[in-house]
Amino acid sequence: MGSPVCEAFGRNLRAMRKAKGFSQERLAHEAGIDRSYVGKIERGEVNVTIERIYQFANCLECSPKDLVLDLKWS
């Protein structure tokens, strides 16, 4: 697994994606990335860039802060 921050971001992304009714495949398509990469992000295996956070927020029609809410270093 990745860092606690990456894992928390992945949980937030998964929750927002599901709340919007998106599959991993749909989010990946709209973000222009591979579905497997979305899975890795949601599992906290990769650290995403600030640009990617904004891209996901745009696709999910939410604020970037919704995706980084409650991220804490442990």
C-alpha atoms as a PDB file:
ATOM      1  CA  MET A   1       0.000   0.000   0.000  1.00  0.00           C
ATOM      2  CA  GLY A   2       0.939   3.633  -0.333  1.00  0.00           C
ATOM      3  CA  SER A   3       1.097   6.424   2.175  1.00  0.00           C
ATOM      4  CA  PRO A   4      -1.819   7.164   4.512  1.00  0.00           C
ATOM      5  CA  VAL A   5      -2.506  10.358   2.525  1.00  0.00           C
ATOM      6  CA  CYS A   6      -2.694   8.461  -0.775  1.00  0.00           C
ATOM      7  CA  GLU A   7      -4.966   5.882   0.800  1.00  0.00           C
ATOM      8  CA  ALA A   8      -7.255   8.581   2.234  1.00  0.00           C
ATOM      9  CA  PHE A   9      -7.399  10.360  -1.124  1.00  0.00           C
ATOM     10  CA  GLY A  10      -8.289   7.070  -2.788  1.00  0.00           C
ATOM     11  CA  ARG A  11     -11.130   6.510  -0.328  1.00  0.00           C
ATOM     12  CA  ASN A  12     -12.429  10.039  -0.958  1.00  0.00           C
ATOM     13  CA  LEU A  13     -12.238   9.591  -4.720  1.00  0.00           C
ATOM     14  CA  ARG A  14     -14.057   6.243  -4.541  1.00  0.00           C
ATOM     15  CA  ALA A  15     -16.790   7.681  -2.315  1.00  0.00           C
ATOM     16  CA  MET A  16     -17.335  10.698  -4.574  1.00  0.00           C
ATOM     17  CA  ARG A  17     -17.263   8.536  -7.707  1.00  0.00           C
ATOM     18  CA  LYS A  18     -19.880   6.186  -6.282  1.00  0.00           C
ATOM     19  CA  ALA A  19     -22.013   9.076  -4.983  1.00  0.00           C
ATOM     20  CA  LYS A  20     -22.106  10.452  -8.540  1.00  0.00           C
ATOM     21  CA  GLY A  21     -22.999   7.024  -9.936  1.00  0.00           C
ATOM     22  CA  PHE A  22     -19.778   6.692 -11.931  1.00  0.00           C
ATOM     23  CA  SER A  23     -18.021   3.408 -12.568  1.00  0.00           C
ATOM     24  CA  GLN A  24     -14.237   3.368 -12.545  1.00  0.00           C
ATOM     25  CA  GLU A  25     -14.433   2.907 -16.291  1.00  0.00           C
ATOM     26  CA  ARG A  26     -16.599   5.997 -16.796  1.00  0.00           C
ATOM     27  CA  LEU A  27     -14.387   8.171 -14.597  1.00  0.00           C
ATOM     28  CA  ALA A  28     -11.303   6.907 -16.411  1.00  0.00           C
ATOM     29  CA  HIS A  29     -12.866   7.615 -19.799  1.00  0.00           C
ATOM     30  CA  GLU A  30     -13.908  11.144 -18.831  1.00  0.00           C
ATOM     31  CA  ALA A  31     -10.482  11.842 -17.298  1.00  0.00           C
ATOM     32  CA  GLY A  32      -8.650  10.376 -20.297  1.00  0.00           C
ATOM     33  CA  ILE A  33      -6.784   7.751 -18.286  1.00  0.00           C
ATOM     34  CA  ASP A  34      -6.791   3.956 -18.014  1.00  0.00           C
ATOM     35  CA  ARG A  35      -9.349   2.291 -15.735  1.00  0.00           C
ATOM     36  CA  SER A  36      -6.615   0.327 -13.990  1.00  0.00           C
ATOM     37  CA  TYR A  37      -4.954   3.608 -13.006  1.00  0.00           C
ATOM     38  CA  VAL A  38      -8.182   4.758 -11.317  1.00  0.00           C
ATOM     39  CA  GLY A  39      -8.148   1.484  -9.371  1.00  0.00           C
ATOM     40  CA  LYS A  40      -4.566   2.061  -8.272  1.00  0.00           C
ATOM     41  CA  ILE A  41      -5.432   5.582  -7.122  1.00  0.00           C
ATOM     42  CA  GLU A  42      -8.457   4.348  -5.187  1.00  0.00           C
ATOM     43  CA  ARG A  43      -6.326   1.692  -3.487  1.00  0.00           C
ATOM     44  CA  GLY A  44      -3.787   4.353  -2.493  1.00  0.00           C
ATOM     45  CA  GLU A  45      -1.026   2.805  -4.580  1.00  0.00           C
ATOM     46  CA  VAL A  46      -0.075   5.979  -6.456  1.00  0.00           C
ATOM     47  CA  ASN A  47       0.382   9.627  -5.588  1.00  0.00           C
ATOM     48  CA  VAL A  48      -1.628  11.876  -7.914  1.00  0.00           C
ATOM     49  CA  THR A  49      -0.672  15.347  -9.071  1.00  0.00           C
ATOM     50  CA  ILE A  50      -2.597  18.484  -8.239  1.00  0.00           C
ATOM     51  CA  GLU A  51      -3.563  18.673 -11.919  1.00  0.00           C
ATOM     52  CA  ARG A  52      -5.109  15.195 -11.713  1.00  0.00           C
ATOM     53  CA  ILE A  53      -7.036  16.159  -8.563  1.00  0.00           C
ATOM     54  CA  TYR A  54      -8.536  19.135 -10.405  1.00  0.00           C
ATOM     55  CA  GLN A  55      -9.288  16.927 -13.408  1.00  0.00           C
ATOM     56  CA  PHE A  56     -11.170  14.414 -11.242  1.00  0.00           C
ATOM     57  CA  ALA A  57     -13.061  17.234  -9.523  1.00  0.00           C
ATOM     58  CA  ASN A  58     -14.090  18.609 -12.909  1.00  0.00           C
ATOM     59  CA  CYS A  59     -15.268  15.185 -14.108  1.00  0.00           C
ATOM     60  CA  LEU A  60     -17.205  14.573 -10.886  1.00  0.00           C
ATOM     61  CA  GLU A  61     -18.561  18.139 -10.747  1.00  0.00           C
ATOM     62  CA  CYS A  62     -17.256  18.724  -7.248  1.00  0.00           C
ATOM     63  CA  SER A  63     -14.688  20.924  -5.593  1.00  0.00           C
ATOM     64  CA  PRO A  64     -11.101  19.675  -5.387  1.00  0.00           C
ATOM     65  CA  LYS A  65     -11.367  20.216  -1.632  1.00  0.00           C
ATOM     66  CA  ASP A  66     -14.066  17.516  -1.541  1.00  0.00           C
ATOM     67  CA  LEU A  67     -11.448  15.047  -2.716  1.00  0.00           C
ATOM     68  CA  VAL A  68      -8.741  16.110  -0.265  1.00  0.00           C
ATOM     69  CA  LEU A  69     -10.987  16.643   2.761  1.00  0.00           C
ATOM     70  CA  ASP A  70      -9.647  15.060   5.934  1.00  0.00           C
ATOM     71  CA  LEU A  71      -6.305  13.946   4.484  1.00  0.00           C
ATOM     72  CA  LYS A  72      -3.865  13.545   7.350  1.00  0.00           C
ATOM     73  CA  TRP A  73      -0.298  12.363   7.671  1.00  0.00           C
ATOM     74  CA  SER A  74       0.002   9.496  10.106  1.00  0.00           C
END
